[in-house]
């Protein structure tokens, strides 16, 4: 069975379905500048409408690309903080559309 909403795939073949912030942190920590230079996170769809990628920069740190065609979003940033990248991506991915995921409801008690 595949991911319920999205999967994270690294260049070296590692995959985590529906990764948590901690799982993203671990995957980013495993990146290097020789044989595991990037991670792509995207829905398990034939034609995904959004993706995020993290790649090792030659000068150190990481390039983070976020793209969502349904919202005309395309952002490229760089960071040296794995913790910040994992947290920010987790928040960003939670705001993406996932078919079949229940919508959040606000209830006043």
Protein backbone atom coordinates (compact mmCIF):
# COMPACT_ATOMS: atom_id res chain seq x y z
CA UNK A 1 0.00 0.00 0.00
CA UNK A 2 1.32 3.44 -0.92
CA UNK A 3 1.16 6.70 0.92
CA UNK A 4 -2.22 7.89 2.04
CA UNK A 5 -1.49 11.50 1.06
CA UNK A 6 2.11 11.97 -0.13
CA UNK A 7 5.55 10.39 -0.13
CA UNK A 8 9.13 11.55 0.30
CA UNK A 9 11.73 9.97 -2.00
CA UNK A 10 15.46 10.54 -1.73
CA UNK A 11 17.98 10.17 -4.51
CA UNK A 12 19.45 7.05 -2.89
CA UNK A 13 16.10 5.25 -3.10
CA UNK A 14 14.84 5.73 0.45
CA UNK A 15 11.11 6.39 0.69
CA UNK A 16 8.84 7.41 3.53
CA UNK A 17 5.08 7.50 3.09
CA UNK A 18 3.32 10.47 4.73
CA UNK A 19 6.51 11.59 6.50
CA UNK A 20 6.32 13.39 9.82
CA UNK A 21 8.44 16.42 10.65
CA UNK A 22 10.91 14.10 12.41
CA UNK A 23 11.08 11.78 9.40
CA UNK A 24 11.79 14.73 7.09
CA UNK A 25 14.49 15.91 9.51
CA UNK A 26 16.14 12.47 9.36
CA UNK A 27 15.94 12.29 5.56
CA UNK A 28 17.45 15.77 5.17
CA UNK A 29 20.18 14.88 7.68
CA UNK A 30 21.10 11.89 5.48
CA UNK A 31 21.69 14.06 2.40
CA UNK A 32 25.27 14.45 1.19
CA UNK A 33 27.08 15.97 -1.77
CA UNK A 34 27.97 12.74 -3.57
CA UNK A 35 25.26 10.09 -3.96
CA UNK A 36 22.22 11.35 -2.03
CA UNK A 37 21.86 15.02 -2.93
CA UNK A 38 18.09 15.54 -2.99
CA UNK A 39 14.63 14.65 -1.71
CA UNK A 40 11.30 15.15 -3.46
CA UNK A 41 8.00 15.18 -1.56
CA UNK A 42 4.80 14.99 -3.59
CA UNK A 43 1.38 13.37 -3.65
CA UNK A 44 1.13 9.80 -4.89
CA UNK A 45 -0.82 10.88 -7.97
CA UNK A 46 -0.18 10.30 -11.66
CA UNK A 47 0.01 14.05 -12.24
CA UNK A 48 0.79 15.74 -8.89
CA UNK A 49 -0.26 19.38 -8.63
CA UNK A 50 2.32 20.22 -5.96
CA UNK A 51 5.78 19.16 -4.86
CA UNK A 52 8.60 20.22 -2.61
CA UNK A 53 12.26 19.39 -3.07
CA UNK A 54 15.32 19.76 -0.91
CA UNK A 55 18.79 19.68 -2.45
CA UNK A 56 22.31 20.02 -1.09
CA UNK A 57 24.03 23.23 -2.21
CA UNK A 58 27.69 23.17 -3.27
CA UNK A 59 28.48 26.07 -0.96
CA UNK A 60 26.76 24.40 2.00
CA UNK A 61 23.19 24.42 3.20
CA UNK A 62 20.11 23.37 1.28
CA UNK A 63 17.92 24.72 -1.50
CA UNK A 64 14.20 24.26 -0.89
CA UNK A 65 11.75 24.48 -3.79
CA UNK A 66 8.00 24.56 -3.23
CA UNK A 67 5.64 24.43 -6.19
CA UNK A 68 1.83 24.28 -6.19
CA UNK A 69 0.21 24.81 -9.58
CA UNK A 70 -3.32 25.07 -8.15
CA UNK A 71 -2.29 28.18 -6.18
CA UNK A 72 0.29 29.53 -8.65
CA UNK A 73 2.99 29.14 -6.00
CA UNK A 74 6.66 28.73 -6.84
CA UNK A 75 9.15 29.56 -4.15
CA UNK A 76 12.88 28.86 -3.99
CA UNK A 77 14.75 29.48 -0.74
CA UNK A 78 17.96 28.35 0.91
CA UNK A 79 18.65 27.47 4.51
CA UNK A 80 21.30 25.85 6.68
CA UNK A 81 18.83 24.77 9.39
CA UNK A 82 17.49 21.26 8.88
CA UNK A 83 15.08 21.81 11.76
CA UNK A 84 13.60 24.93 10.13
CA UNK A 85 13.28 23.20 6.74
CA UNK A 86 11.50 20.15 8.19
CA UNK A 87 9.13 22.31 10.26
CA UNK A 88 8.32 24.73 7.44
CA UNK A 89 7.73 21.93 4.92
CA UNK A 90 5.46 20.07 7.33
CA UNK A 91 3.33 23.19 7.80
CA UNK A 92 3.31 23.91 4.05
CA UNK A 93 2.34 20.34 3.12
CA UNK A 94 -0.48 20.32 5.67
CA UNK A 95 -2.05 23.22 3.75
CA UNK A 96 -1.97 21.34 0.42
CA UNK A 97 -5.04 19.67 -1.05
CA UNK A 98 -5.17 15.91 -0.55
CA UNK A 99 -8.14 14.18 -2.21
CA UNK A 100 -9.99 11.99 0.26
CA UNK A 101 -8.61 13.76 3.31
CA UNK A 102 -11.33 15.03 5.60
CA UNK A 103 -11.63 18.80 5.74
CA UNK A 104 -11.03 20.51 9.05
CA UNK A 105 -14.01 21.90 10.86
CA UNK A 106 -14.19 24.57 13.51
CA UNK A 107 -16.77 24.00 16.20
CA UNK A 108 -17.67 26.41 18.97
CA UNK A 109 -18.56 24.76 22.24
